[in-house]
Amino acid sequence: MTLDLQLIWAGLIAVAVLLYVTLDGFDLGIGILFPFAKSKEERDVMMNTIAPVWDGNETWLVLGGGGLLAAFPLAYSVLMPALYLPILLMLAGLILRGVAFEFRFRARNRGRKFWTQMFSGGSILTAVAQGLVLGGFIQGVTVREDRFAGGPFDWFTPYTLLVAAGLVAGYALLGGAWLMMKTKDNLHGDAKRWTSISSVVVTVLLVAVSVATLLIHPRVAARWGFDLGDGFALDASVLMPLLPIPLLGLAGLALVWVMSRRGSHRWPFVGAILVFLSGYLGLAVGFAPYVVPYALDFRQAAAPDNALGLMLVGTVAILPLILAYTGWVYWVFRGKIDEEAGYHH
């Protein structure tokens, strides 16, 4: 039996991106929520909840980005120049928050305040930049003869700003739900409030982004059974099999809202993950099998099979180790965090 290496690599990268968004999403959310903490002690606890895992979470970004370059170089050569500036902003934000994370614990007084601001600013910058990248990807890039043929600021539109706002709110939701699971006392109460507010904002922005996507992308609308050409038409036979995907997102939001109000510690985080999973599956419905929307599919953009096979050997060897180590770290540092416990103490 011959392995479909192109499909395997497309699946690996898709899973890596999903893992990155959900795992690094909640620690970016911590930084987004940082300005709302009431005291230095609360911010210390917030950072301690992610200190053992934040850098490991970014492993999946390396796998996703590096995998795209190695496995689908044609797609990489088109998307990079199209989204070069927001990707640079994202990397700058990741570097800034990483430096601030370590320096803040060692700084005092004014220095600590500065690095607190840098950690929050780096987190927000990263989230906004990722939203601009996502929005730029969804709205599409201009491709001629398998090359990017657009302008350097095509990614900067009202639509991409809307997507960026939605992603920032989504990360804040993940961060708040994570804090509900990991903290107690007053900070847990604050996290409960942040999570509830974020869930409302996410609901509004998710609806807005979904409607805007259908309006700017007739082909995506058609995949969901909508015809928005001269009027409005709906093909229920297309929509009904796909309806569980948005319902999954609504169920996740309901789970966040209901369980956070009931004081649950774990279920709001599960609900937040379901929201992101729903959105990711929705993107798959709209754009699969394209890696450059409606310009290049993953088979057109793939590297030769001998290269894909060689890379797969190394990936199969190391990926289980990464998964095992990640699971072990989360297991070791499970449970609640208090002011006296943390990675830096």
Protein backbone atom coordinates (compact mmCIF):
# COMPACT_ATOMS: atom_id res chain seq x y z
CA MET A 1 0.00 0.00 0.00
CA THR A 2 1.34 3.42 -0.99
CA LEU A 3 1.10 6.19 1.58
CA ASP A 4 -0.57 9.40 0.49
CA LEU A 5 2.28 11.57 1.76
CA GLN A 6 0.74 14.81 0.57
CA LEU A 7 -2.46 14.15 2.51
CA ILE A 8 -0.53 13.01 5.59
CA TRP A 9 1.51 16.21 5.66
CA ALA A 10 -1.55 18.36 5.09
CA GLY A 11 -3.16 16.63 8.07
CA LEU A 12 -0.07 17.01 10.26
CA ILE A 13 0.17 20.73 9.59
CA ALA A 14 -3.56 21.21 10.12
CA VAL A 15 -3.37 19.44 13.49
CA ALA A 16 -0.25 21.39 14.48
CA VAL A 17 -1.96 24.71 13.75
CA LEU A 18 -5.04 23.68 15.74
CA LEU A 19 -2.89 22.62 18.70
CA TYR A 20 -0.95 25.87 18.55
CA VAL A 21 -4.06 28.04 18.48
CA THR A 22 -5.67 26.27 21.42
CA LEU A 23 -2.56 25.78 23.57
CA ASP A 24 -0.68 29.01 22.92
CA GLY A 25 -4.04 30.75 22.69
CA PHE A 26 -4.72 30.52 26.40
CA ASP A 27 -1.29 31.81 27.43
CA LEU A 28 -1.61 34.68 24.95
CA GLY A 29 -4.98 35.24 26.59
CA ILE A 30 -3.24 35.58 29.96
CA GLY A 31 -1.21 38.46 28.55
CA ILE A 32 -4.30 40.06 27.03
CA LEU A 33 -6.03 39.92 30.43
CA PHE A 34 -2.96 41.16 32.30
CA PRO A 35 -4.01 44.84 32.39
CA PHE A 36 -7.24 43.89 34.18
CA ALA A 37 -5.53 42.20 37.13
CA LYS A 38 -5.91 44.11 40.39
CA SER A 39 -2.44 43.66 41.85
CA LYS A 40 1.12 42.53 41.27
CA GLU A 41 0.38 39.36 43.22
CA GLU A 42 -2.51 38.47 40.92
CA ARG A 43 -0.32 39.00 37.88
CA ASP A 44 2.37 36.80 39.44
CA VAL A 45 -0.13 33.99 39.89
CA MET A 46 -1.44 34.47 36.34
CA MET A 47 2.08 34.06 34.96
CA ASN A 48 2.78 31.10 37.21
CA THR A 49 -0.17 29.23 35.71
CA ILE A 50 1.52 29.22 32.31
CA ALA A 51 5.21 29.36 33.25
CA PRO A 52 5.86 25.60 32.85
CA VAL A 53 4.07 25.30 29.49
CA TRP A 54 4.13 28.56 27.53
CA ASP A 55 7.33 27.97 25.56
CA GLY A 56 6.42 24.34 24.86
CA ASN A 57 3.09 25.47 23.46
CA GLU A 58 4.94 27.37 20.74
CA THR A 59 6.48 24.12 19.48
CA TRP A 60 3.36 23.63 17.39
CA LEU A 61 3.88 26.96 15.65
CA VAL A 62 7.34 25.79 14.62
CA LEU A 63 5.92 22.52 13.31
CA GLY A 64 3.13 24.30 11.44
CA GLY A 65 5.29 27.02 9.90
CA GLY A 66 8.32 24.83 9.29
CA GLY A 67 6.13 22.07 7.91
CA LEU A 68 4.51 24.49 5.47
CA LEU A 69 7.93 25.57 4.20
CA ALA A 70 9.27 22.04 3.86
CA ALA A 71 6.18 20.14 2.73
CA PHE A 72 4.36 22.79 0.68
CA PRO A 73 7.06 25.20 -0.51
CA LEU A 74 4.96 26.64 -3.32
CA ALA A 75 2.24 27.69 -0.87
CA TYR A 76 4.89 29.12 1.45
CA SER A 77 6.41 31.15 -1.40
CA VAL A 78 3.00 32.69 -2.14
CA LEU A 79 1.74 33.28 1.41
CA MET A 80 4.93 34.70 2.91
CA PRO A 81 5.23 37.78 0.65
CA ALA A 82 1.47 38.28 0.87
CA LEU A 83 1.49 38.27 4.69
CA TYR A 84 5.08 39.29 5.36
CA LEU A 85 4.41 42.34 7.54
CA PRO A 86 1.85 40.80 9.93
CA ILE A 87 4.04 37.70 10.25
CA LEU A 88 6.98 39.92 11.21
CA LEU A 89 4.75 41.68 13.75
CA MET A 90 3.72 38.31 15.16
CA LEU A 91 7.33 37.20 15.55
CA ALA A 92 8.24 40.52 17.17
CA GLY A 93 5.38 40.09 19.62
CA LEU A 94 6.42 36.53 20.46
CA ILE A 95 10.01 37.62 21.08
CA LEU A 96 8.91 40.59 23.18
CA ARG A 97 6.60 38.56 25.41
CA GLY A 98 9.21 35.80 25.79
CA VAL A 99 11.85 38.27 26.95
CA ALA A 100 9.36 40.09 29.18
CA PHE A 101 8.25 36.80 30.72
CA GLU A 102 11.72 36.05 32.06
CA PHE A 103 12.82 39.60 32.87
CA ARG A 104 9.67 40.49 34.78
CA PHE A 105 10.36 37.91 37.48
CA ARG A 106 13.84 39.32 38.04
CA ALA A 107 13.05 43.02 37.81
CA ARG A 108 12.05 45.25 40.70
CA ASN A 109 9.73 48.22 41.07
CA ARG A 110 9.87 50.35 37.90
CA GLY A 111 11.56 47.59 35.94
CA ARG A 112 8.85 45.11 36.85
CA LYS A 113 6.16 47.57 35.79
CA PHE A 114 7.91 48.06 32.44
CA TRP A 115 8.21 44.33 31.75
CA THR A 116 4.61 43.82 32.83
CA GLN A 117 3.55 46.27 30.14
CA MET A 118 5.86 44.62 27.61
CA PHE A 119 4.43 41.18 28.35
CA SER A 120 0.89 42.41 27.90
CA GLY A 121 1.80 44.47 24.84
CA GLY A 122 3.68 41.58 23.24
CA SER A 123 0.75 39.25 23.83
CA ILE A 124 -1.75 41.68 22.32
CA LEU A 125 0.55 42.42 19.37
CA THR A 126 0.97 38.70 18.70
CA ALA A 127 -2.77 38.05 18.85
CA VAL A 128 -3.62 41.00 16.60
CA ALA A 129 -0.93 40.00 14.09
CA GLN A 130 -2.19 36.42 14.01
CA GLY A 131 -5.69 37.73 13.42
CA LEU A 132 -4.43 39.84 10.51
CA VAL A 133 -2.65 36.79 9.07
CA LEU A 134 -5.81 34.71 9.42
CA GLY A 135 -7.98 37.44 7.94
CA GLY A 136 -5.56 37.95 5.07
CA PHE A 137 -5.56 34.22 4.39
CA ILE A 138 -9.35 33.96 4.43
CA GLN A 139 -10.00 36.96 2.20
CA GLY A 140 -7.52 35.53 -0.28
CA VAL A 141 -4.33 36.65 -1.99
CA THR A 142 -3.72 37.61 -5.60
CA VAL A 143 -1.89 34.82 -7.43
CA ARG A 144 -0.68 34.80 -11.01
CA GLU A 145 1.38 31.95 -12.46
CA ASP A 146 1.84 30.47 -8.98
CA ARG A 147 3.31 33.70 -7.61
CA PHE A 148 1.99 36.39 -5.31
CA ALA A 149 0.93 39.33 -7.48
CA GLY A 150 -0.71 41.63 -4.96
CA GLY A 151 0.44 44.59 -2.89
CA PRO A 152 2.28 44.68 0.46
CA PHE A 153 -0.79 45.92 2.35
CA ASP A 154 -3.51 43.77 0.80
CA TRP A 155 -3.87 42.08 4.20
CA PHE A 156 -4.91 45.35 5.87
CA THR A 157 -8.66 45.71 5.35
CA PRO A 158 -11.74 46.22 7.54
CA TYR A 159 -12.39 42.49 7.26
CA THR A 160 -8.95 41.49 8.56
CA LEU A 161 -9.28 43.97 11.43
CA LEU A 162 -12.61 42.35 12.31
CA VAL A 163 -11.00 38.91 12.30
CA ALA A 164 -8.13 40.23 14.44
CA ALA A 165 -10.58 41.61 16.99
CA GLY A 166 -12.37 38.27 17.06
CA LEU A 167 -9.15 36.34 17.63
CA VAL A 168 -8.06 38.65 20.46
CA ALA A 169 -11.44 38.14 22.13
CA GLY A 170 -11.18 34.38 21.57
CA TYR A 171 -7.75 34.23 23.17
CA ALA A 172 -9.04 36.27 26.10
CA LEU A 173 -11.84 33.71 26.46
CA LEU A 174 -9.33 30.86 26.51
CA GLY A 175 -7.14 32.74 28.98
CA GLY A 176 -10.00 33.51 31.33
CA ALA A 177 -11.26 29.93 31.23
CA TRP A 178 -7.73 28.64 31.88
CA LEU A 179 -7.46 30.91 34.93
CA MET A 180 -10.79 29.61 36.22
CA MET A 181 -9.33 26.13 36.09
CA LYS A 182 -5.96 27.03 37.63
CA THR A 183 -6.66 29.69 40.26
CA LYS A 184 -8.71 30.20 43.40
CA ASP A 185 -10.10 32.87 45.72
CA ASN A 186 -10.28 36.44 44.38
CA LEU A 187 -8.41 35.76 41.16
CA HIS A 188 -10.78 32.92 40.36
CA GLY A 189 -13.68 35.33 40.78
CA ASP A 190 -12.00 37.84 38.47
CA ALA A 191 -11.36 35.10 35.91
CA LYS A 192 -15.02 34.11 36.08
CA ARG A 193 -16.03 37.68 35.24
CA TRP A 194 -13.47 37.99 32.44
CA THR A 195 -14.62 34.70 30.95
CA SER A 196 -18.28 35.69 30.99
CA ILE A 197 -17.58 39.05 29.34
CA SER A 198 -15.27 37.47 26.77
CA SER A 199 -17.89 34.89 25.85
CA VAL A 200 -20.38 37.64 25.01
CA VAL A 201 -17.82 39.55 22.93
CA VAL A 202 -16.77 36.36 21.14
CA THR A 203 -20.39 35.55 20.31
CA VAL A 204 -20.96 38.95 18.71
CA LEU A 205 -17.68 38.95 16.78
CA LEU A 206 -18.05 35.32 15.70
CA VAL A 207 -21.41 36.10 14.13
CA ALA A 208 -20.00 39.24 12.50
CA VAL A 209 -16.97 37.43 11.06
CA SER A 210 -19.11 34.54 9.81
CA VAL A 211 -21.53 36.84 8.01
CA ALA A 212 -18.70 38.97 6.59
CA THR A 213 -16.92 35.86 5.31
CA LEU A 214 -20.02 34.68 3.47
CA LEU A 215 -20.44 38.14 1.93
CA ILE A 216 -16.86 38.56 0.68
CA HIS A 217 -16.45 34.93 -0.43
CA PRO A 218 -19.28 33.68 -2.67
CA ARG A 219 -17.51 30.32 -3.09
CA VAL A 220 -17.38 29.84 0.67
CA ALA A 221 -21.04 30.81 0.89
CA ALA A 222 -21.84 28.23 -1.79
CA ARG A 223 -20.09 25.52 0.21
CA TRP A 224 -22.43 26.29 3.08
CA GLY A 225 -25.47 26.25 0.82
CA PHE A 226 -25.94 30.02 0.47
CA ASP A 227 -26.36 31.88 -2.81
CA LEU A 228 -25.89 35.59 -2.20
CA GLY A 229 -25.62 36.63 -5.84
CA ASP A 230 -28.62 38.59 -7.09
CA GLY A 231 -30.74 37.78 -4.08
CA PHE A 232 -30.76 35.19 -1.33
CA ALA A 233 -31.15 31.47 -1.77
CA LEU A 234 -30.48 28.60 0.59
CA ASP A 235 -29.84 24.98 -0.32
CA ALA A 236 -30.90 23.09 2.79
CA SER A 237 -29.49 19.82 1.44
CA VAL A 238 -26.01 21.38 1.59
CA LEU A 239 -26.43 23.25 4.87
CA MET A 240 -28.05 20.55 7.01
CA PRO A 241 -25.11 18.07 7.03
CA LEU A 242 -22.81 20.96 8.02
CA LEU A 243 -25.08 22.36 10.71
CA PRO A 244 -23.39 20.41 13.56
CA ILE A 245 -20.26 22.55 13.09
CA PRO A 246 -21.79 25.92 14.05
CA LEU A 247 -23.96 24.15 16.62
CA LEU A 248 -20.76 22.84 18.20
CA GLY A 249 -19.55 26.42 18.57
CA LEU A 250 -22.86 27.54 20.05
CA ALA A 251 -22.77 24.61 22.46
CA GLY A 252 -19.26 25.63 23.49
CA LEU A 253 -20.32 29.21 24.15
CA ALA A 254 -23.35 28.00 26.11
CA LEU A 255 -21.11 25.70 28.12
CA VAL A 256 -18.78 28.59 28.93
CA TRP A 257 -21.62 30.88 29.96
CA VAL A 258 -23.64 28.41 32.02
CA MET A 259 -20.76 26.63 33.71
CA SER A 260 -18.87 29.80 34.56
CA ARG A 261 -21.96 31.20 36.25
CA ARG A 262 -22.34 27.94 38.16
CA GLY A 263 -18.76 28.21 39.36
CA SER A 264 -17.40 25.23 37.44
CA HIS A 265 -13.62 25.15 37.28
CA ARG A 266 -12.98 22.97 34.21
CA TRP A 267 -16.00 23.03 31.92
CA PRO A 268 -15.62 26.66 30.76
CA PHE A 269 -12.20 25.78 29.36
CA VAL A 270 -13.67 22.77 27.56
CA GLY A 271 -16.36 25.03 26.13
CA ALA A 272 -13.78 27.56 24.92
CA ILE A 273 -11.86 24.80 23.14
CA LEU A 274 -15.08 23.66 21.46
CA VAL A 275 -15.61 27.20 20.15
CA PHE A 276 -12.17 27.20 18.53
CA LEU A 277 -12.66 23.68 17.19
CA SER A 278 -15.94 24.75 15.60
CA GLY A 279 -14.30 27.74 13.95
CA TYR A 280 -11.44 25.59 12.67
CA LEU A 281 -13.80 23.02 11.18
CA GLY A 282 -15.75 25.86 9.60
CA LEU A 283 -12.57 27.06 7.90
CA ALA A 284 -11.93 23.53 6.66
CA VAL A 285 -15.39 23.40 5.10
CA GLY A 286 -14.84 26.74 3.41
CA PHE A 287 -11.35 26.19 2.04
CA ALA A 288 -10.23 22.55 1.99
CA PRO A 289 -8.28 21.29 0.09
CA TYR A 290 -6.75 24.70 -0.69
CA VAL A 291 -3.63 25.90 1.13
CA VAL A 292 -3.80 29.19 -0.77
CA PRO A 293 -7.54 29.91 -0.94
CA TYR A 294 -8.97 28.98 -4.32
CA ALA A 295 -5.55 29.31 -5.98
CA LEU A 296 -3.41 26.33 -4.89
CA ASP A 297 -4.54 23.10 -3.29
CA PHE A 298 -2.24 21.00 -1.15
CA ARG A 299 -1.40 18.62 -3.98
CA GLN A 300 -0.38 21.42 -6.33
CA ALA A 301 1.78 23.02 -3.63
CA ALA A 302 3.42 19.86 -2.26
CA ALA A 303 7.11 19.00 -2.36
CA PRO A 304 8.24 15.82 -4.16
CA ASP A 305 7.21 12.56 -2.51
CA ASN A 306 10.79 11.52 -1.77
CA ALA A 307 11.29 14.70 0.27
CA LEU A 308 7.95 14.26 2.04
CA GLY A 309 8.82 10.65 2.86
CA LEU A 310 12.22 11.53 4.30
CA MET A 311 10.73 14.27 6.48
CA LEU A 312 7.96 11.94 7.63
CA VAL A 313 10.53 9.46 8.97
CA GLY A 314 12.01 12.12 11.23
CA THR A 315 8.60 13.44 12.22
CA VAL A 316 7.31 9.99 13.15
CA ALA A 317 10.38 9.53 15.35
CA ILE A 318 10.17 12.84 17.21
CA LEU A 319 6.45 13.69 17.29
CA PRO A 320 5.52 11.00 19.86
CA LEU A 321 8.28 12.33 22.13
CA ILE A 322 6.91 15.87 21.86
CA LEU A 323 3.38 14.67 22.59
CA ALA A 324 4.55 12.55 25.53
CA TYR A 325 6.60 15.36 27.02
CA THR A 326 3.77 17.87 26.57
CA GLY A 327 1.30 15.55 28.27
CA TRP A 328 3.75 14.84 31.09
CA VAL A 329 4.34 18.56 31.76
CA TYR A 330 0.62 19.29 31.92
CA TRP A 331 0.17 16.32 34.25
CA VAL A 332 3.01 17.33 36.59
CA PHE A 333 1.78 20.92 36.85
CA ARG A 334 -1.92 20.08 37.09
CA GLY A 335 -4.14 21.56 39.76
CA LYS A 336 -4.46 24.98 41.32
CA ILE A 337 -1.70 27.58 41.59
CA ASP A 338 -1.21 29.91 44.55
CA GLU A 339 1.10 32.81 45.31
CA GLU A 340 3.80 30.61 46.82
CA ALA A 341 3.92 28.06 44.01
CA GLY A 342 5.29 28.57 40.56
CA TYR A 343 7.97 27.82 38.05
CA HIS A 344 10.14 30.77 39.12
CA HIS A 345 9.98 30.21 42.88
